[in-house]
Amino acid sequence: MSGIQIITEYDTSYSDTQGNFRKNMNVIPEDRTFVVQFNDIDGATNGDYESKEIMVDYKEADLENEEDEWYAGSITKKIDVTLNPKK
């Protein structure tokens, strides 16, 4: 479902027509938790949903594809989020 705003501490993105989004972030490779917020910004157009906030953990040990001392690798996370309809 489109019309969902996704906010992290670095930027804002939006869902596509299927409700999917992709977020790429360049950060210092260390264990950390990111807050990700989801907001319905199109009102009742695709259904009226409550906002939701989740925590996403990144562990340095999960890094893959390290190339050199300047590129520590990447972490891929697949996260399924269900928004609740507004009452």
C-alpha atoms as a PDB file:
ATOM      1  CA  MET A   1       0.000   0.000   0.000  1.00  0.00           C
ATOM      2  CA  SER A   2       1.421   3.347  -0.950  1.00  0.00           C
ATOM      3  CA  GLY A   3       1.145   6.451   1.193  1.00  0.00           C
ATOM      4  CA  ILE A   4       3.234   5.194   4.113  1.00  0.00           C
ATOM      5  CA  GLN A   5       6.057   7.438   5.284  1.00  0.00           C
ATOM      6  CA  ILE A   6       9.105   5.685   6.803  1.00  0.00           C
ATOM      7  CA  ILE A   7      11.320   7.806   9.056  1.00  0.00           C
ATOM      8  CA  THR A   8      14.739   6.899  10.438  1.00  0.00           C
ATOM      9  CA  GLU A   9      17.251   9.107  12.194  1.00  0.00           C
ATOM     10  CA  TYR A  10      18.933   9.760   8.838  1.00  0.00           C
ATOM     11  CA  ASP A  11      16.107  10.433   6.403  1.00  0.00           C
ATOM     12  CA  THR A  12      12.561   9.813   5.242  1.00  0.00           C
ATOM     13  CA  SER A  13      11.306   7.498   2.510  1.00  0.00           C
ATOM     14  CA  TYR A  14       7.926   6.269   1.287  1.00  0.00           C
ATOM     15  CA  SER A  15       6.362   2.912   0.497  1.00  0.00           C
ATOM     16  CA  ASP A  16       5.733   1.842  -3.082  1.00  0.00           C
ATOM     17  CA  THR A  17       2.339   0.697  -4.397  1.00  0.00           C
ATOM     18  CA  GLN A  18       2.938  -2.763  -2.911  1.00  0.00           C
ATOM     19  CA  GLY A  19       3.790  -1.336   0.518  1.00  0.00           C
ATOM     20  CA  ASN A  20       7.498  -2.123   0.161  1.00  0.00           C
ATOM     21  CA  PHE A  21      10.410   0.143   0.883  1.00  0.00           C
ATOM     22  CA  ARG A  22      14.183  -0.065   0.865  1.00  0.00           C
ATOM     23  CA  LYS A  23      16.476   1.891   3.152  1.00  0.00           C
ATOM     24  CA  ASN A  24      20.236   2.185   2.650  1.00  0.00           C
ATOM     25  CA  MET A  25      22.288   3.791   5.399  1.00  0.00           C
ATOM     26  CA  ASN A  26      26.005   4.417   5.704  1.00  0.00           C
ATOM     27  CA  VAL A  27      27.010   4.270   9.346  1.00  0.00           C
ATOM     28  CA  ILE A  28      29.946   3.414  11.564  1.00  0.00           C
ATOM     29  CA  PRO A  29      30.061  -0.379  11.922  1.00  0.00           C
ATOM     30  CA  GLU A  30      29.064  -0.978  15.519  1.00  0.00           C
ATOM     31  CA  ASP A  31      26.223  -2.628  17.393  1.00  0.00           C
ATOM     32  CA  ARG A  32      23.292  -0.251  17.484  1.00  0.00           C
ATOM     33  CA  THR A  33      19.529   0.009  17.449  1.00  0.00           C
ATOM     34  CA  PHE A  34      17.628   2.199  15.019  1.00  0.00           C
ATOM     35  CA  VAL A  35      14.144   3.555  15.595  1.00  0.00           C
ATOM     36  CA  VAL A  36      11.971   3.307  12.486  1.00  0.00           C
ATOM     37  CA  GLN A  37       8.636   5.112  12.387  1.00  0.00           C
ATOM     38  CA  PHE A  38       5.772   4.373   9.976  1.00  0.00           C
ATOM     39  CA  ASN A  39       3.083   6.990   9.308  1.00  0.00           C
ATOM     40  CA  ASP A  40       0.001   6.821   7.091  1.00  0.00           C
ATOM     41  CA  ILE A  41       0.162  10.107   5.192  1.00  0.00           C
ATOM     42  CA  ASP A  42      -2.563   9.654   2.570  1.00  0.00           C
ATOM     43  CA  GLY A  43      -5.505   9.543   4.980  1.00  0.00           C
ATOM     44  CA  ALA A  44      -8.343   7.248   3.983  1.00  0.00           C
ATOM     45  CA  THR A  45      -7.152   6.848   0.368  1.00  0.00           C
ATOM     46  CA  ASN A  46      -5.620   3.399   1.004  1.00  0.00           C
ATOM     47  CA  GLY A  47      -7.169   2.866   4.425  1.00  0.00           C
ATOM     48  CA  ASP A  48      -6.596   4.949   7.536  1.00  0.00           C
ATOM     49  CA  TYR A  49      -3.864   3.448   9.735  1.00  0.00           C
ATOM     50  CA  GLU A  50      -2.298   4.224  13.097  1.00  0.00           C
ATOM     51  CA  SER A  51       1.373   5.208  13.182  1.00  0.00           C
ATOM     52  CA  LYS A  52       3.825   2.611  14.420  1.00  0.00           C
ATOM     53  CA  GLU A  53       7.372   2.729  15.758  1.00  0.00           C
ATOM     54  CA  ILE A  54       9.709  -0.262  15.817  1.00  0.00           C
ATOM     55  CA  MET A  55      13.293  -0.889  16.892  1.00  0.00           C
ATOM     56  CA  VAL A  56      15.725  -2.566  14.475  1.00  0.00           C
ATOM     57  CA  ASP A  57      18.944  -4.035  15.851  1.00  0.00           C
ATOM     58  CA  TYR A  58      22.168  -4.149  13.851  1.00  0.00           C
ATOM     59  CA  LYS A  59      25.075  -6.219  15.135  1.00  0.00           C
ATOM     60  CA  GLU A  60      28.615  -5.690  13.914  1.00  0.00           C
ATOM     61  CA  ALA A  61      29.016  -9.477  13.843  1.00  0.00           C
ATOM     62  CA  ASP A  62      26.330  -9.643  11.098  1.00  0.00           C
ATOM     63  CA  LEU A  63      28.403  -7.633   8.591  1.00  0.00           C
ATOM     64  CA  GLU A  64      28.975  -9.363   5.240  1.00  0.00           C
ATOM     65  CA  ASN A  65      31.109  -8.581   2.176  1.00  0.00           C
ATOM     66  CA  GLU A  66      33.921  -6.747   3.934  1.00  0.00           C
ATOM     67  CA  GLU A  67      36.322  -5.338   1.339  1.00  0.00           C
ATOM     68  CA  ASP A  68      38.926  -3.305   3.194  1.00  0.00           C
ATOM     69  CA  GLU A  69      39.485  -1.175   6.286  1.00  0.00           C
ATOM     70  CA  TRP A  70      37.233   1.589   4.853  1.00  0.00           C
ATOM     71  CA  TYR A  71      34.343  -0.682   3.868  1.00  0.00           C
ATOM     72  CA  ALA A  72      33.363  -2.947   6.737  1.00  0.00           C
ATOM     73  CA  GLY A  73      30.560  -4.642   4.778  1.00  0.00           C
ATOM     74  CA  SER A  74      26.786  -4.585   4.736  1.00  0.00           C
ATOM     75  CA  ILE A  75      23.830  -5.928   6.662  1.00  0.00           C
ATOM     76  CA  THR A  76      20.520  -6.796   5.030  1.00  0.00           C
ATOM     77  CA  LYS A  77      17.340  -6.944   7.101  1.00  0.00           C
ATOM     78  CA  LYS A  78      13.878  -7.967   5.949  1.00  0.00           C
ATOM     79  CA  ILE A  79      11.231  -6.548   8.217  1.00  0.00           C
ATOM     80  CA  ASP A  80       7.486  -7.162   7.930  1.00  0.00           C
ATOM     81  CA  VAL A  81       5.390  -4.480   9.612  1.00  0.00           C
ATOM     82  CA  THR A  82       1.621  -4.523   9.997  1.00  0.00           C
ATOM     83  CA  LEU A  83      -0.160  -1.244  10.645  1.00  0.00           C
ATOM     84  CA  ASN A  84      -3.392  -1.314  12.623  1.00  0.00           C
ATOM     85  CA  PRO A  85      -6.472   0.427  11.206  1.00  0.00           C
ATOM     86  CA  LYS A  86      -7.518   3.562  13.084  1.00  0.00           C
ATOM     87  CA  LYS A  87     -10.568   3.050  15.267  1.00  0.00           C
END
